[in-house]
Each structure stands twice: as structure tokens, then as C-alpha cells.
Amino acid sequence: MKFEESKNLIEFVHKKIQLSFGKFFICEDFVVAELNQEIHVDWLTIQKIAHMIIEQYGTSKKIGFISNKVNSYSIDPLVWVTFNKEYDFIESTAIIWYNDAGYMSATLEKMFLKNNVKLCESLEEAIYWVLSSVDVKN
């Protein structure tokens, strides 16, 4: 379920940011990312996402990141190796999958992420887990 179609839309104060490759919902302690159909996520895309997040939260706030895979897209999982070396602001990551292909992709991504990661079956599960898994409040 898309963030804009969920009850969470009214439960969390948020700011919507539309980039050429997806939508991002900036909440107090977490970001929900919904990337566009059929894009390929490479290092340049990850850098754009990271810079947008830093612009919103600064460099010292630890946040949760929710990848809401409502669309099918590809990602180079090795970008997470470089991300882990360059950035340190994501405290926990929830990856929501909706079909077998999404589950396989999420499982592969999980292997390359260094932070606390959970594969989730719903947006509500992901938000609850991100907010309760670690102390994202600073």
C-alpha cells in the first residue's frame, strides 16, 4: 500500500518530496521511499537520496528508512557497501515487499546493509518496527 493511500498519512506529520525517480515522505524520525516503476538504482541515485535526506535532517540525526517497494525496479546491491562507508545516519531499515520478486530483491539488499534491517509485509509493520527497533529519536 502506498503511503498516500494509508491511514499513516494522517497519523504522522510529513513532508512529501518528489524526485525524478520516486517519492519520499519525510516524517519526524523516518523516511518512506517509494521509487518509480522500472528504474535502476545505482550509486548516483543513492547519493541523490542521501543528500536529500541530509538536507531535511542534517548530519547528526539518526533516522529510520522504509523502502516501500510498491513498484518493480532494480538496484545494484553493492551500492550499499559504498553507502555504509560514506554515510551513517540510517539507524534501521525496513523493506516492504509485496510479491516473490520483491521478497528476493529485499533479501539480497538485506545482505549488504550494515544497519538493523527487517523485511516487512505491510507499511504499518514497517513503521512500527522502525520506530520501536532502535532509538531513532535524537
Protein backbone atom coordinates (compact mmCIF):
# COMPACT_ATOMS: atom_id res chain seq x y z
CA MET A 1 0.00 0.00 0.00
CA LYS A 2 1.28 3.43 -0.89
CA PHE A 3 1.92 5.84 1.97
CA GLU A 4 -0.51 8.38 0.49
CA GLU A 5 -3.27 5.74 0.48
CA SER A 6 -2.70 4.57 4.04
CA LYS A 7 -4.09 5.69 7.37
CA ASN A 8 -0.49 6.59 8.27
CA LEU A 9 -0.80 9.67 6.08
CA ILE A 10 -2.79 11.45 8.77
CA GLU A 11 -1.05 9.82 11.75
CA PHE A 12 2.38 11.26 11.01
CA VAL A 13 3.27 14.84 10.20
CA HIS A 14 5.25 14.58 6.99
CA LYS A 15 6.66 16.41 4.04
CA LYS A 16 6.43 14.92 0.54
CA ILE A 17 9.43 15.30 -1.75
CA GLN A 18 9.09 14.26 -5.39
CA LEU A 19 12.32 13.46 -7.23
CA SER A 20 12.59 12.28 -10.84
CA PHE A 21 12.93 8.66 -9.68
CA GLY A 22 10.47 8.46 -6.79
CA LYS A 23 8.51 9.94 -3.89
CA PHE A 24 9.85 10.42 -0.38
CA PHE A 25 7.82 11.10 2.72
CA ILE A 26 9.89 12.83 5.39
CA CYS A 27 8.49 12.17 8.86
CA GLU A 28 9.97 13.20 12.21
CA ASP A 29 12.06 10.06 12.75
CA PHE A 30 11.86 8.14 9.48
CA VAL A 31 11.64 8.39 5.69
CA VAL A 32 9.33 6.35 3.48
CA ALA A 33 10.71 5.87 -0.04
CA GLU A 34 8.52 4.80 -2.97
CA LEU A 35 10.65 4.52 -6.09
CA ASN A 36 9.24 4.64 -9.60
CA GLN A 37 8.43 1.63 -11.74
CA GLU A 38 11.24 0.12 -13.83
CA ILE A 39 14.07 2.40 -12.72
CA HIS A 40 17.56 1.14 -11.92
CA VAL A 41 19.04 2.35 -8.63
CA ASP A 42 22.77 2.94 -8.91
CA TRP A 43 25.30 4.88 -6.83
CA LEU A 44 24.28 8.24 -8.32
CA THR A 45 20.64 7.62 -7.33
CA ILE A 46 21.68 6.62 -3.79
CA GLN A 47 23.79 9.79 -3.48
CA LYS A 48 20.82 11.94 -4.52
CA ILE A 49 18.63 10.23 -1.91
CA ALA A 50 21.30 10.62 0.78
CA HIS A 51 21.82 14.31 0.02
CA MET A 52 18.07 14.97 0.06
CA ILE A 53 17.79 13.23 3.46
CA ILE A 54 20.74 15.19 4.88
CA GLU A 55 19.13 18.43 3.66
CA GLN A 56 15.99 17.53 5.63
CA TYR A 57 17.52 16.16 8.86
CA GLY A 58 21.09 17.43 8.98
CA THR A 59 24.13 15.23 9.55
CA SER A 60 23.73 14.27 13.21
CA LYS A 61 20.16 12.92 13.43
CA LYS A 62 19.77 9.15 13.23
CA ILE A 63 16.65 8.07 11.35
CA GLY A 64 14.78 5.02 10.16
CA PHE A 65 14.43 4.30 6.44
CA ILE A 66 11.46 2.46 4.96
CA SER A 67 11.75 1.17 1.41
CA ASN A 68 8.14 0.68 0.32
CA LYS A 69 8.52 -1.46 -2.80
CA VAL A 70 5.12 -0.67 -4.32
CA ASN A 71 6.73 -0.67 -7.79
CA SER A 72 9.10 -3.05 -9.50
CA TYR A 73 12.63 -1.69 -10.01
CA SER A 74 16.19 -2.93 -9.92
CA ILE A 75 19.00 -1.98 -7.58
CA ASP A 76 22.69 -2.71 -7.59
CA PRO A 77 23.06 -4.17 -4.07
CA LEU A 78 26.75 -3.25 -3.99
CA VAL A 79 25.77 0.42 -3.66
CA TRP A 80 25.02 -0.37 -0.03
CA VAL A 81 28.68 -1.29 0.59
CA THR A 82 29.75 2.19 -0.52
CA PHE A 83 26.79 3.79 1.28
CA ASN A 84 27.85 2.14 4.54
CA LYS A 85 31.33 3.69 4.18
CA GLU A 86 30.10 7.17 3.22
CA TYR A 87 27.04 7.72 5.41
CA ASP A 88 25.99 6.90 8.95
CA PHE A 89 22.57 8.46 9.51
CA ILE A 90 20.28 5.45 8.99
CA GLU A 91 19.77 3.58 12.25
CA SER A 92 17.30 0.97 10.99
CA THR A 93 15.85 -0.07 7.65
CA ALA A 94 12.55 -1.76 6.87
CA ILE A 95 11.99 -3.16 3.40
CA ILE A 96 8.36 -3.84 2.47
CA TRP A 97 7.81 -6.48 -0.19
CA TYR A 98 4.55 -7.30 -1.98
CA ASN A 99 5.42 -10.28 -4.20
CA ASP A 100 8.02 -13.02 -4.62
CA ALA A 101 10.30 -10.87 -6.77
CA GLY A 102 10.17 -8.09 -4.19
CA TYR A 103 10.99 -10.55 -1.42
CA MET A 104 14.01 -11.88 -3.34
CA SER A 105 15.26 -8.36 -4.03
CA ALA A 106 14.75 -7.32 -0.40
CA THR A 107 16.58 -10.41 0.85
CA LEU A 108 19.54 -9.61 -1.39
CA GLU A 109 19.63 -5.96 -0.29
CA LYS A 110 19.50 -7.01 3.37
CA MET A 111 22.76 -8.91 2.95
CA PHE A 112 24.60 -5.69 2.02
CA LEU A 113 23.13 -3.31 4.59
CA LYS A 114 25.09 -2.86 7.82
CA ASN A 115 22.32 -1.41 9.96
CA ASN A 116 19.38 -3.11 11.63
CA VAL A 117 17.17 -4.49 8.80
CA LYS A 118 13.77 -6.17 8.74
CA LEU A 119 11.75 -7.45 5.81
CA CYS A 120 8.10 -6.48 6.30
CA GLU A 121 4.81 -7.38 4.67
CA SER A 122 2.99 -4.09 5.33
CA LEU A 123 3.60 -0.39 5.76
CA GLU A 124 2.14 -0.49 9.27
CA GLU A 125 4.51 -3.29 10.30
CA ALA A 126 7.48 -1.38 8.86
CA ILE A 127 6.64 1.88 10.63
CA TYR A 128 6.03 0.16 13.96
CA TRP A 129 9.27 -1.80 13.68
CA VAL A 130 11.42 1.17 12.63
CA LEU A 131 10.11 3.29 15.50
CA SER A 132 10.46 0.52 18.10
CA SER A 133 13.60 -1.30 16.92
CA VAL A 134 16.14 1.33 17.90
CA ASP A 135 16.29 4.74 19.45
CA VAL A 136 15.83 6.90 16.36
CA LYS A 137 14.84 9.92 18.42
CA ASN A 138 17.71 12.36 18.97
